[in-house]
Amino acid sequence: MFSVESIQLLQQGAAITQAAESIAEAITSTANTVALPNDYQLHDLEKLLPQRRRARGTMSTTSLPSFAEYVLDHAEAGASVFVDAIRMQATAVLNLGGADAPGHCDNRAVLTAQATAAYKALLAIANGMQIKQATLAEYLEDWGHMARCETADGTELEVRKAAAGVRSITIEGLRRVESAEQQLGASRSAFEEVKAAKQDTIPAFITITCDPYQGLQPRSLRCRLGIVTSADKPALTLRIAKHEEHMEEMGEELAQLVRGALTGSYVPVLVGSYSLNG
């Protein structure tokens, strides 16, 4: 007589054998799908084999020569590089494969462009958010050797004077509200006069010329200065003009650098990003 546990083990063993046969048949058929019970676990035996079945993983670096060397050494059929201009990253999908034999797309190399200290300092304040007068003044004092300041009429302003002018901005406001109530309705008009003192020492535009990323050419980034007068104390805003256009150009420049590093190989370099669906 077999015990209940023995019978259950025999049934489970038979079911696993049947499932394995069904999987083998499904893999060689056009269906490529199979119905299986959900109370059995699959165990990957790759870790017990002498070698891995295939290469997979992600190599990350900020060095273009190292990125190129790794791509050239590990690229398989259909490998491609995708350059994301927004993230300033180049991603090589080394096992992309082709239409007839698509790969698993899980063996990659990622190059992340390294932003310079000057560019990071500029992005920290020139993002359209309100900043204090002292913040902009200190920035001009620290990075003045890269800056060119202009007044609203285009007159060049010495950086030292521009920093002092930013520190000494004062707001004079006069607000008058008049309202008139009438039988059939109401009308209200508001008049507000705001004046920033010492306009001749306050820069309207600040142009920073720097290397934005290591390896990229120097770029002149023109910023517009705004003064927010809605509060008791003035606040400033700084925004890079046409920043999106600069990003597109820098992304294309990065793509050209990657193409140059991969000269002579069959790996194409495309501007865009890649994600795996399914």
C-alpha atoms as a PDB file:
ATOM      1  CA  MET A   1       0.000   0.000   0.000  1.00  0.00           C
ATOM      2  CA  PHE A   2       1.249   3.431  -0.901  1.00  0.00           C
ATOM      3  CA  SER A   3       0.826   6.243   1.562  1.00  0.00           C
ATOM      4  CA  VAL A   4      -1.056   9.406   0.659  1.00  0.00           C
ATOM      5  CA  GLU A   5       2.228  11.351   0.598  1.00  0.00           C
ATOM      6  CA  SER A   6       3.794   8.816  -1.780  1.00  0.00           C
ATOM      7  CA  ILE A   7       0.829   8.982  -4.127  1.00  0.00           C
ATOM      8  CA  GLN A   8       0.964  12.787  -4.118  1.00  0.00           C
ATOM      9  CA  LEU A   9       4.683  12.717  -4.922  1.00  0.00           C
ATOM     10  CA  LEU A  10       4.114  10.267  -7.787  1.00  0.00           C
ATOM     11  CA  GLN A  11       1.308  12.431  -9.153  1.00  0.00           C
ATOM     12  CA  GLN A  12       3.441  15.546  -8.855  1.00  0.00           C
ATOM     13  CA  GLY A  13       6.369  13.833 -10.594  1.00  0.00           C
ATOM     14  CA  ALA A  14       4.133  12.681 -13.441  1.00  0.00           C
ATOM     15  CA  ALA A  15       2.696  16.180 -13.775  1.00  0.00           C
ATOM     16  CA  ILE A  16       6.155  17.741 -13.924  1.00  0.00           C
ATOM     17  CA  THR A  17       7.245  15.228 -16.566  1.00  0.00           C
ATOM     18  CA  GLN A  18       4.142  16.009 -18.605  1.00  0.00           C
ATOM     19  CA  ALA A  19       4.733  19.747 -18.171  1.00  0.00           C
ATOM     20  CA  ALA A  20       8.339  19.402 -19.342  1.00  0.00           C
ATOM     21  CA  GLU A  21       7.200  17.499 -22.442  1.00  0.00           C
ATOM     22  CA  SER A  22       4.569  20.161 -23.145  1.00  0.00           C
ATOM     23  CA  ILE A  23       7.148  22.946 -22.845  1.00  0.00           C
ATOM     24  CA  ALA A  24       9.539  21.161 -25.199  1.00  0.00           C
ATOM     25  CA  GLU A  25       6.735  20.690 -27.731  1.00  0.00           C
ATOM     26  CA  ALA A  26       5.597  24.326 -27.406  1.00  0.00           C
ATOM     27  CA  ILE A  27       9.102  25.662 -28.003  1.00  0.00           C
ATOM     28  CA  THR A  28       9.413  23.784 -31.313  1.00  0.00           C
ATOM     29  CA  SER A  29       5.864  24.578 -32.439  1.00  0.00           C
ATOM     30  CA  THR A  30       4.414  27.809 -33.830  1.00  0.00           C
ATOM     31  CA  ALA A  31       2.281  28.413 -30.738  1.00  0.00           C
ATOM     32  CA  ASN A  32       5.134  29.053 -28.298  1.00  0.00           C
ATOM     33  CA  THR A  33       2.642  29.046 -25.403  1.00  0.00           C
ATOM     34  CA  VAL A  34       1.617  26.342 -22.969  1.00  0.00           C
ATOM     35  CA  ALA A  35      -0.855  25.975 -20.101  1.00  0.00           C
ATOM     36  CA  LEU A  36       0.765  24.851 -16.832  1.00  0.00           C
ATOM     37  CA  PRO A  37      -0.347  24.520 -13.210  1.00  0.00           C
ATOM     38  CA  ASN A  38       0.598  27.502 -11.054  1.00  0.00           C
ATOM     39  CA  ASP A  39       1.791  25.525  -8.024  1.00  0.00           C
ATOM     40  CA  TYR A  40       5.145  24.401  -9.444  1.00  0.00           C
ATOM     41  CA  GLN A  41       8.272  26.543  -9.333  1.00  0.00           C
ATOM     42  CA  LEU A  42      10.860  26.879 -12.093  1.00  0.00           C
ATOM     43  CA  HIS A  43      14.513  26.663 -11.106  1.00  0.00           C
ATOM     44  CA  ASP A  44      17.236  28.135 -13.295  1.00  0.00           C
ATOM     45  CA  LEU A  45      20.231  25.810 -13.376  1.00  0.00           C
ATOM     46  CA  GLU A  46      22.551  28.304 -15.083  1.00  0.00           C
ATOM     47  CA  LYS A  47      24.464  28.974 -11.857  1.00  0.00           C
ATOM     48  CA  LEU A  48      25.385  25.268 -11.736  1.00  0.00           C
ATOM     49  CA  LEU A  49      26.732  25.187 -15.283  1.00  0.00           C
ATOM     50  CA  PRO A  50      30.436  25.721 -16.073  1.00  0.00           C
ATOM     51  CA  GLN A  51      29.567  28.859 -18.101  1.00  0.00           C
ATOM     52  CA  ARG A  52      26.708  31.309 -18.480  1.00  0.00           C
ATOM     53  CA  ARG A  53      24.356  30.660 -21.369  1.00  0.00           C
ATOM     54  CA  ARG A  54      24.904  34.175 -22.797  1.00  0.00           C
ATOM     55  CA  ALA A  55      26.414  37.545 -21.908  1.00  0.00           C
ATOM     56  CA  ARG A  56      24.139  40.056 -20.185  1.00  0.00           C
ATOM     57  CA  GLY A  57      24.587  43.019 -17.881  1.00  0.00           C
ATOM     58  CA  THR A  58      25.253  46.774 -17.994  1.00  0.00           C
ATOM     59  CA  MET A  59      28.610  48.500 -18.179  1.00  0.00           C
ATOM     60  CA  SER A  60      28.445  52.169 -17.064  1.00  0.00           C
ATOM     61  CA  THR A  61      31.132  54.803 -17.555  1.00  0.00           C
ATOM     62  CA  THR A  62      31.814  58.504 -18.103  1.00  0.00           C
ATOM     63  CA  SER A  63      34.835  57.752 -20.319  1.00  0.00           C
ATOM     64  CA  LEU A  64      34.195  57.736 -24.058  1.00  0.00           C
ATOM     65  CA  PRO A  65      37.332  55.676 -24.896  1.00  0.00           C
ATOM     66  CA  SER A  66      36.346  53.003 -22.349  1.00  0.00           C
ATOM     67  CA  PHE A  67      32.775  52.982 -23.673  1.00  0.00           C
ATOM     68  CA  ALA A  68      33.953  52.579 -27.256  1.00  0.00           C
ATOM     69  CA  GLU A  69      36.430  49.831 -26.363  1.00  0.00           C
ATOM     70  CA  TYR A  70      33.772  47.855 -24.502  1.00  0.00           C
ATOM     71  CA  VAL A  71      31.245  48.222 -27.334  1.00  0.00           C
ATOM     72  CA  LEU A  72      33.754  47.120 -29.974  1.00  0.00           C
ATOM     73  CA  ASP A  73      34.765  44.091 -27.918  1.00  0.00           C
ATOM     74  CA  HIS A  74      31.257  42.892 -27.015  1.00  0.00           C
ATOM     75  CA  ALA A  75      28.944  44.008 -29.833  1.00  0.00           C
ATOM     76  CA  GLU A  76      26.861  41.217 -31.348  1.00  0.00           C
ATOM     77  CA  ALA A  77      24.838  41.152 -34.550  1.00  0.00           C
ATOM     78  CA  GLY A  78      22.452  44.112 -34.775  1.00  0.00           C
ATOM     79  CA  ALA A  79      24.098  46.077 -31.936  1.00  0.00           C
ATOM     80  CA  SER A  80      23.160  49.781 -31.951  1.00  0.00           C
ATOM     81  CA  VAL A  81      23.905  52.900 -29.899  1.00  0.00           C
ATOM     82  CA  PHE A  82      21.140  55.318 -28.907  1.00  0.00           C
ATOM     83  CA  VAL A  83      22.024  58.864 -27.767  1.00  0.00           C
ATOM     84  CA  ASP A  84      19.483  60.544 -25.464  1.00  0.00           C
ATOM     85  CA  ALA A  85      19.963  64.322 -25.822  1.00  0.00           C
ATOM     86  CA  ILE A  86      17.901  65.137 -22.727  1.00  0.00           C
ATOM     87  CA  ARG A  87      19.829  62.847 -20.383  1.00  0.00           C
ATOM     88  CA  MET A  88      23.093  63.246 -22.326  1.00  0.00           C
ATOM     89  CA  GLN A  89      23.576  59.488 -22.319  1.00  0.00           C
ATOM     90  CA  ALA A  90      24.632  57.025 -24.988  1.00  0.00           C
ATOM     91  CA  THR A  91      23.245  53.506 -24.531  1.00  0.00           C
ATOM     92  CA  ALA A  92      24.656  50.636 -26.562  1.00  0.00           C
ATOM     93  CA  VAL A  93      22.326  47.650 -26.856  1.00  0.00           C
ATOM     94  CA  LEU A  94      24.880  44.972 -27.618  1.00  0.00           C
ATOM     95  CA  ASN A  95      22.502  42.048 -28.213  1.00  0.00           C
ATOM     96  CA  LEU A  96      19.712  43.828 -30.069  1.00  0.00           C
ATOM     97  CA  GLY A  97      19.736  41.302 -32.897  1.00  0.00           C
ATOM     98  CA  GLY A  98      17.736  41.722 -36.084  1.00  0.00           C
ATOM     99  CA  ALA A  99      14.256  41.176 -37.462  1.00  0.00           C
ATOM    100  CA  ASP A 100      14.933  37.519 -38.194  1.00  0.00           C
ATOM    101  CA  ALA A 101      16.793  36.818 -34.950  1.00  0.00           C
ATOM    102  CA  PRO A 102      15.946  39.427 -32.291  1.00  0.00           C
ATOM    103  CA  GLY A 103      18.099  39.419 -29.184  1.00  0.00           C
ATOM    104  CA  HIS A 104      17.190  39.727 -25.534  1.00  0.00           C
ATOM    105  CA  CYS A 105      18.432  43.368 -25.345  1.00  0.00           C
ATOM    106  CA  ASP A 106      19.757  42.932 -21.815  1.00  0.00           C
ATOM    107  CA  ASN A 107      23.471  43.302 -22.540  1.00  0.00           C
ATOM    108  CA  ARG A 108      24.243  47.006 -22.584  1.00  0.00           C
ATOM    109  CA  ALA A 109      26.876  49.714 -22.150  1.00  0.00           C
ATOM    110  CA  VAL A 110      25.956  53.211 -20.950  1.00  0.00           C
ATOM    111  CA  LEU A 111      28.021  56.358 -21.407  1.00  0.00           C
ATOM    112  CA  THR A 112      26.945  59.329 -19.283  1.00  0.00           C
ATOM    113  CA  ALA A 113      28.392  62.685 -20.303  1.00  0.00           C
ATOM    114  CA  GLN A 114      30.040  64.423 -17.357  1.00  0.00           C
ATOM    115  CA  ALA A 115      28.752  67.969 -16.804  1.00  0.00           C
ATOM    116  CA  THR A 116      31.416  70.505 -15.898  1.00  0.00           C
ATOM    117  CA  ALA A 117      31.371  72.396 -12.606  1.00  0.00           C
ATOM    118  CA  ALA A 118      30.667  75.668 -14.425  1.00  0.00           C
ATOM    119  CA  TYR A 119      27.637  74.257 -16.250  1.00  0.00           C
ATOM    120  CA  LYS A 120      26.226  72.627 -13.110  1.00  0.00           C
ATOM    121  CA  ALA A 121      26.599  75.893 -11.210  1.00  0.00           C
ATOM    122  CA  LEU A 122      24.706  77.719 -13.961  1.00  0.00           C
ATOM    123  CA  LEU A 123      21.878  75.167 -14.084  1.00  0.00           C
ATOM    124  CA  ALA A 124      21.484  75.462 -10.310  1.00  0.00           C
ATOM    125  CA  ILE A 125      20.384  79.108 -10.594  1.00  0.00           C
ATOM    126  CA  ALA A 126      19.257  79.549 -14.222  1.00  0.00           C
ATOM    127  CA  ASN A 127      16.198  77.303 -14.048  1.00  0.00           C
ATOM    128  CA  GLY A 128      13.448  79.926 -13.902  1.00  0.00           C
ATOM    129  CA  MET A 129      12.949  79.515 -10.152  1.00  0.00           C
ATOM    130  CA  GLN A 130      13.094  82.506  -7.823  1.00  0.00           C
ATOM    131  CA  ILE A 131      16.473  83.110  -6.213  1.00  0.00           C
ATOM    132  CA  LYS A 132      17.770  85.638  -3.693  1.00  0.00           C
ATOM    133  CA  GLN A 133      19.805  88.654  -4.720  1.00  0.00           C
ATOM    134  CA  ALA A 134      22.792  87.358  -2.766  1.00  0.00           C
ATOM    135  CA  THR A 135      22.673  84.025  -4.647  1.00  0.00           C
ATOM    136  CA  LEU A 136      23.085  85.660  -8.056  1.00  0.00           C
ATOM    137  CA  ALA A 137      25.645  88.165  -6.763  1.00  0.00           C
ATOM    138  CA  GLU A 138      27.784  85.385  -5.303  1.00  0.00           C
ATOM    139  CA  TYR A 139      27.509  83.421  -8.541  1.00  0.00           C
ATOM    140  CA  LEU A 140      28.802  86.413 -10.521  1.00  0.00           C
ATOM    141  CA  GLU A 141      31.637  86.845  -8.062  1.00  0.00           C
ATOM    142  CA  ASP A 142      32.604  83.151  -8.351  1.00  0.00           C
ATOM    143  CA  TRP A 143      32.168  82.688 -12.102  1.00  0.00           C
ATOM    144  CA  GLY A 144      32.654  86.239 -13.339  1.00  0.00           C
ATOM    145  CA  HIS A 145      35.610  85.215 -15.516  1.00  0.00           C
ATOM    146  CA  MET A 146      33.131  83.313 -17.710  1.00  0.00           C
ATOM    147  CA  ALA A 147      30.368  85.934 -17.655  1.00  0.00           C
ATOM    148  CA  ARG A 148      29.413  88.877 -19.842  1.00  0.00           C
ATOM    149  CA  CYS A 149      26.758  91.216 -18.448  1.00  0.00           C
ATOM    150  CA  GLU A 150      24.585  93.639 -20.440  1.00  0.00           C
ATOM    151  CA  THR A 151      22.014  96.223 -19.487  1.00  0.00           C
ATOM    152  CA  ALA A 152      18.571  96.333 -21.063  1.00  0.00           C
ATOM    153  CA  ASP A 153      19.817  98.589 -23.891  1.00  0.00           C
ATOM    154  CA  GLY A 154      22.694  96.242 -24.731  1.00  0.00           C
ATOM    155  CA  THR A 155      25.465  98.175 -23.001  1.00  0.00           C
ATOM    156  CA  GLU A 156      28.176  95.919 -21.604  1.00  0.00           C
ATOM    157  CA  LEU A 157      28.412  96.088 -17.832  1.00  0.00           C
ATOM    158  CA  GLU A 158      31.468  95.253 -15.787  1.00  0.00           C
ATOM    159  CA  VAL A 159      30.831  92.026 -13.889  1.00  0.00           C
ATOM    160  CA  ARG A 160      31.994  93.492 -10.594  1.00  0.00           C
ATOM    161  CA  LYS A 161      29.556  96.393 -10.917  1.00  0.00           C
ATOM    162  CA  ALA A 162      26.797  94.009 -12.006  1.00  0.00           C
ATOM    163  CA  ALA A 163      27.245  91.919  -8.855  1.00  0.00           C
ATOM    164  CA  ALA A 164      27.141  95.049  -6.696  1.00  0.00           C
ATOM    165  CA  GLY A 165      24.063  96.291  -8.565  1.00  0.00           C
ATOM    166  CA  VAL A 166      22.248  93.001  -8.007  1.00  0.00           C
ATOM    167  CA  ARG A 167      22.929  93.212  -4.279  1.00  0.00           C
ATOM    168  CA  SER A 168      21.550  96.753  -4.046  1.00  0.00           C
ATOM    169  CA  ILE A 169      18.272  96.346  -5.935  1.00  0.00           C
ATOM    170  CA  THR A 170      15.417  98.166  -4.161  1.00  0.00           C
ATOM    171  CA  ILE A 171      11.766  98.243  -5.031  1.00  0.00           C
ATOM    172  CA  GLU A 172       9.567 101.290  -4.824  1.00  0.00           C
ATOM    173  CA  GLY A 173       5.943 100.479  -5.319  1.00  0.00           C
ATOM    174  CA  LEU A 174       2.889 102.638  -5.539  1.00  0.00           C
ATOM    175  CA  ARG A 175      -0.441 100.942  -5.803  1.00  0.00           C
ATOM    176  CA  ARG A 176      -3.702 102.698  -6.173  1.00  0.00           C
ATOM    177  CA  VAL A 177      -6.986 100.923  -6.405  1.00  0.00           C
ATOM    178  CA  GLU A 178     -10.058 102.735  -7.532  1.00  0.00           C
ATOM    179  CA  SER A 179     -13.441 101.204  -7.560  1.00  0.00           C
ATOM    180  CA  ALA A 180     -16.702 102.578  -8.654  1.00  0.00           C
ATOM    181  CA  GLU A 181     -19.931 100.954  -7.779  1.00  0.00           C
ATOM    182  CA  GLN A 182     -22.848 101.561 -10.078  1.00  0.00           C
ATOM    183  CA  GLN A 183     -26.422 100.419 -10.007  1.00  0.00           C
ATOM    184  CA  LEU A 184     -26.107  97.910 -12.849  1.00  0.00           C
ATOM    185  CA  GLY A 185     -22.660  96.620 -12.018  1.00  0.00           C
ATOM    186  CA  ALA A 186     -19.252  97.312 -10.595  1.00  0.00           C
ATOM    187  CA  SER A 187     -15.994  98.320 -12.176  1.00  0.00           C
ATOM    188  CA  ARG A 188     -12.556  98.157 -10.641  1.00  0.00           C
ATOM    189  CA  SER A 189      -9.270  99.357 -11.992  1.00  0.00           C
ATOM    190  CA  ALA A 190      -5.811  98.960 -10.461  1.00  0.00           C
ATOM    191  CA  PHE A 191      -2.731 100.975 -11.182  1.00  0.00           C
ATOM    192  CA  GLU A 192       0.653  99.771 -10.072  1.00  0.00           C
ATOM    193  CA  GLU A 193       3.950 101.479 -10.617  1.00  0.00           C
ATOM    194  CA  VAL A 194       7.107  99.566  -9.832  1.00  0.00           C
ATOM    195  CA  LYS A 195      10.601 100.894 -10.216  1.00  0.00           C
ATOM    196  CA  ALA A 196      13.920  99.125  -9.735  1.00  0.00           C
ATOM    197  CA  ALA A 197      16.527 101.644  -8.670  1.00  0.00           C
ATOM    198  CA  LYS A 198      19.960 101.932 -10.312  1.00  0.00           C
ATOM    199  CA  GLN A 199      18.932 100.442 -13.631  1.00  0.00           C
ATOM    200  CA  ASP A 200      22.362 101.288 -15.105  1.00  0.00           C
ATOM    201  CA  THR A 201      24.097  98.772 -12.806  1.00  0.00           C
ATOM    202  CA  ILE A 202      21.597  95.917 -13.046  1.00  0.00           C
ATOM    203  CA  PRO A 203      22.250  93.378 -15.826  1.00  0.00           C
ATOM    204  CA  ALA A 204      19.286  92.429 -18.001  1.00  0.00           C
ATOM    205  CA  PHE A 205      21.247  89.665 -19.727  1.00  0.00           C
ATOM    206  CA  ILE A 206      24.082  87.469 -18.486  1.00  0.00           C
ATOM    207  CA  THR A 207      25.999  85.328 -20.970  1.00  0.00           C
ATOM    208  CA  ILE A 208      28.082  82.444 -19.637  1.00  0.00           C
ATOM    209  CA  THR A 209      30.679  80.880 -21.943  1.00  0.00           C
ATOM    210  CA  CYS A 210      31.877  77.479 -20.743  1.00  0.00           C
ATOM    211  CA  ASP A 211      32.375  73.829 -21.657  1.00  0.00           C
ATOM    212  CA  PRO A 212      28.975  72.336 -20.734  1.00  0.00           C
ATOM    213  CA  TYR A 213      30.183  68.714 -20.727  1.00  0.00           C
ATOM    214  CA  GLN A 214      33.618  67.173 -20.777  1.00  0.00           C
ATOM    215  CA  GLY A 215      34.690  66.675 -24.370  1.00  0.00           C
ATOM    216  CA  LEU A 216      32.116  69.066 -25.860  1.00  0.00           C
ATOM    217  CA  GLN A 217      32.979  72.415 -27.434  1.00  0.00           C
ATOM    218  CA  PRO A 218      32.598  75.663 -25.424  1.00  0.00           C
ATOM    219  CA  ARG A 219      29.139  77.153 -25.650  1.00  0.00           C
ATOM    220  CA  SER A 220      27.788  80.636 -24.920  1.00  0.00           C
ATOM    221  CA  LEU A 221      24.565  80.455 -22.895  1.00  0.00           C
ATOM    222  CA  ARG A 222      22.631  83.724 -22.806  1.00  0.00           C
ATOM    223  CA  CYS A 223      20.400  84.132 -19.734  1.00  0.00           C
ATOM    224  CA  ARG A 224      17.561  86.575 -19.131  1.00  0.00           C
ATOM    225  CA  LEU A 225      17.322  88.201 -15.714  1.00  0.00           C
ATOM    226  CA  GLY A 226      13.886  88.915 -14.278  1.00  0.00           C
ATOM    227  CA  ILE A 227      12.908  90.839 -11.148  1.00  0.00           C
ATOM    228  CA  VAL A 228       9.866  89.672  -9.187  1.00  0.00           C
ATOM    229  CA  THR A 229       8.230  92.585  -7.354  1.00  0.00           C
ATOM    230  CA  SER A 230       5.112  90.984  -5.930  1.00  0.00           C
ATOM    231  CA  ALA A 231       6.566  90.662  -2.423  1.00  0.00           C
ATOM    232  CA  ASP A 232       8.034  93.159  -0.008  1.00  0.00           C
ATOM    233  CA  LYS A 233      11.550  92.114  -0.983  1.00  0.00           C
ATOM    234  CA  PRO A 234      12.625  91.633  -4.595  1.00  0.00           C
ATOM    235  CA  ALA A 235      13.383  88.174  -5.927  1.00  0.00           C
ATOM    236  CA  LEU A 236      15.218  87.303  -9.108  1.00  0.00           C
ATOM    237  CA  THR A 237      14.728  84.739 -11.854  1.00  0.00           C
ATOM    238  CA  LEU A 238      17.331  83.622 -14.360  1.00  0.00           C
ATOM    239  CA  ARG A 239      16.519  81.534 -17.417  1.00  0.00           C
ATOM    240  CA  ILE A 240      18.726  80.212 -20.226  1.00  0.00           C
ATOM    241  CA  ALA A 241      17.384  81.415 -23.563  1.00  0.00           C
ATOM    242  CA  LYS A 242      16.625  78.601 -26.054  1.00  0.00           C
ATOM    243  CA  HIS A 243      17.929  75.983 -23.642  1.00  0.00           C
ATOM    244  CA  GLU A 244      16.043  73.193 -25.430  1.00  0.00           C
ATOM    245  CA  GLU A 245      17.813  74.096 -28.663  1.00  0.00           C
ATOM    246  CA  HIS A 246      21.153  73.976 -26.865  1.00  0.00           C
ATOM    247  CA  MET A 247      20.275  70.528 -25.496  1.00  0.00           C
ATOM    248  CA  GLU A 248      19.467  69.222 -28.976  1.00  0.00           C
ATOM    249  CA  GLU A 249      22.736  70.562 -30.352  1.00  0.00           C
ATOM    250  CA  MET A 250      24.759  69.111 -27.470  1.00  0.00           C
ATOM    251  CA  GLY A 251      23.040  65.741 -27.939  1.00  0.00           C
ATOM    252  CA  GLU A 252      23.965  65.721 -31.621  1.00  0.00           C
ATOM    253  CA  GLU A 253      27.523  66.728 -30.703  1.00  0.00           C
ATOM    254  CA  LEU A 254      27.713  63.801 -28.279  1.00  0.00           C
ATOM    255  CA  ALA A 255      26.424  61.488 -31.014  1.00  0.00           C
ATOM    256  CA  GLN A 256      29.152  62.730 -33.369  1.00  0.00           C
ATOM    257  CA  LEU A 257      31.796  62.047 -30.718  1.00  0.00           C
ATOM    258  CA  VAL A 258      30.484  58.501 -30.246  1.00  0.00           C
ATOM    259  CA  ARG A 259      30.421  57.944 -34.013  1.00  0.00           C
ATOM    260  CA  GLY A 260      34.015  59.094 -34.200  1.00  0.00           C
ATOM    261  CA  ALA A 261      35.039  56.724 -31.417  1.00  0.00           C
ATOM    262  CA  LEU A 262      33.343  53.813 -33.223  1.00  0.00           C
ATOM    263  CA  THR A 263      34.743  54.639 -36.665  1.00  0.00           C
ATOM    264  CA  GLY A 264      35.302  51.510 -38.706  1.00  0.00           C
ATOM    265  CA  SER A 265      32.735  49.404 -36.851  1.00  0.00           C
ATOM    266  CA  TYR A 266      29.330  48.267 -38.053  1.00  0.00           C
ATOM    267  CA  VAL A 267      27.558  49.682 -34.956  1.00  0.00           C
ATOM    268  CA  PRO A 268      25.179  52.526 -35.938  1.00  0.00           C
ATOM    269  CA  VAL A 269      24.737  55.558 -33.654  1.00  0.00           C
ATOM    270  CA  LEU A 270      21.204  56.992 -33.512  1.00  0.00           C
ATOM    271  CA  VAL A 271      19.805  60.019 -31.682  1.00  0.00           C
ATOM    272  CA  GLY A 272      16.982  58.853 -29.405  1.00  0.00           C
ATOM    273  CA  SER A 273      16.288  56.399 -26.603  1.00  0.00           C
ATOM    274  CA  TYR A 274      15.467  52.689 -26.557  1.00  0.00           C
ATOM    275  CA  SER A 275      13.172  50.758 -24.268  1.00  0.00           C
ATOM    276  CA  LEU A 276      12.185  47.107 -24.364  1.00  0.00           C
ATOM    277  CA  ASN A 277       8.468  46.291 -24.544  1.00  0.00           C
ATOM    278  CA  GLY A 278       7.268  42.900 -23.439  1.00  0.00           C
END
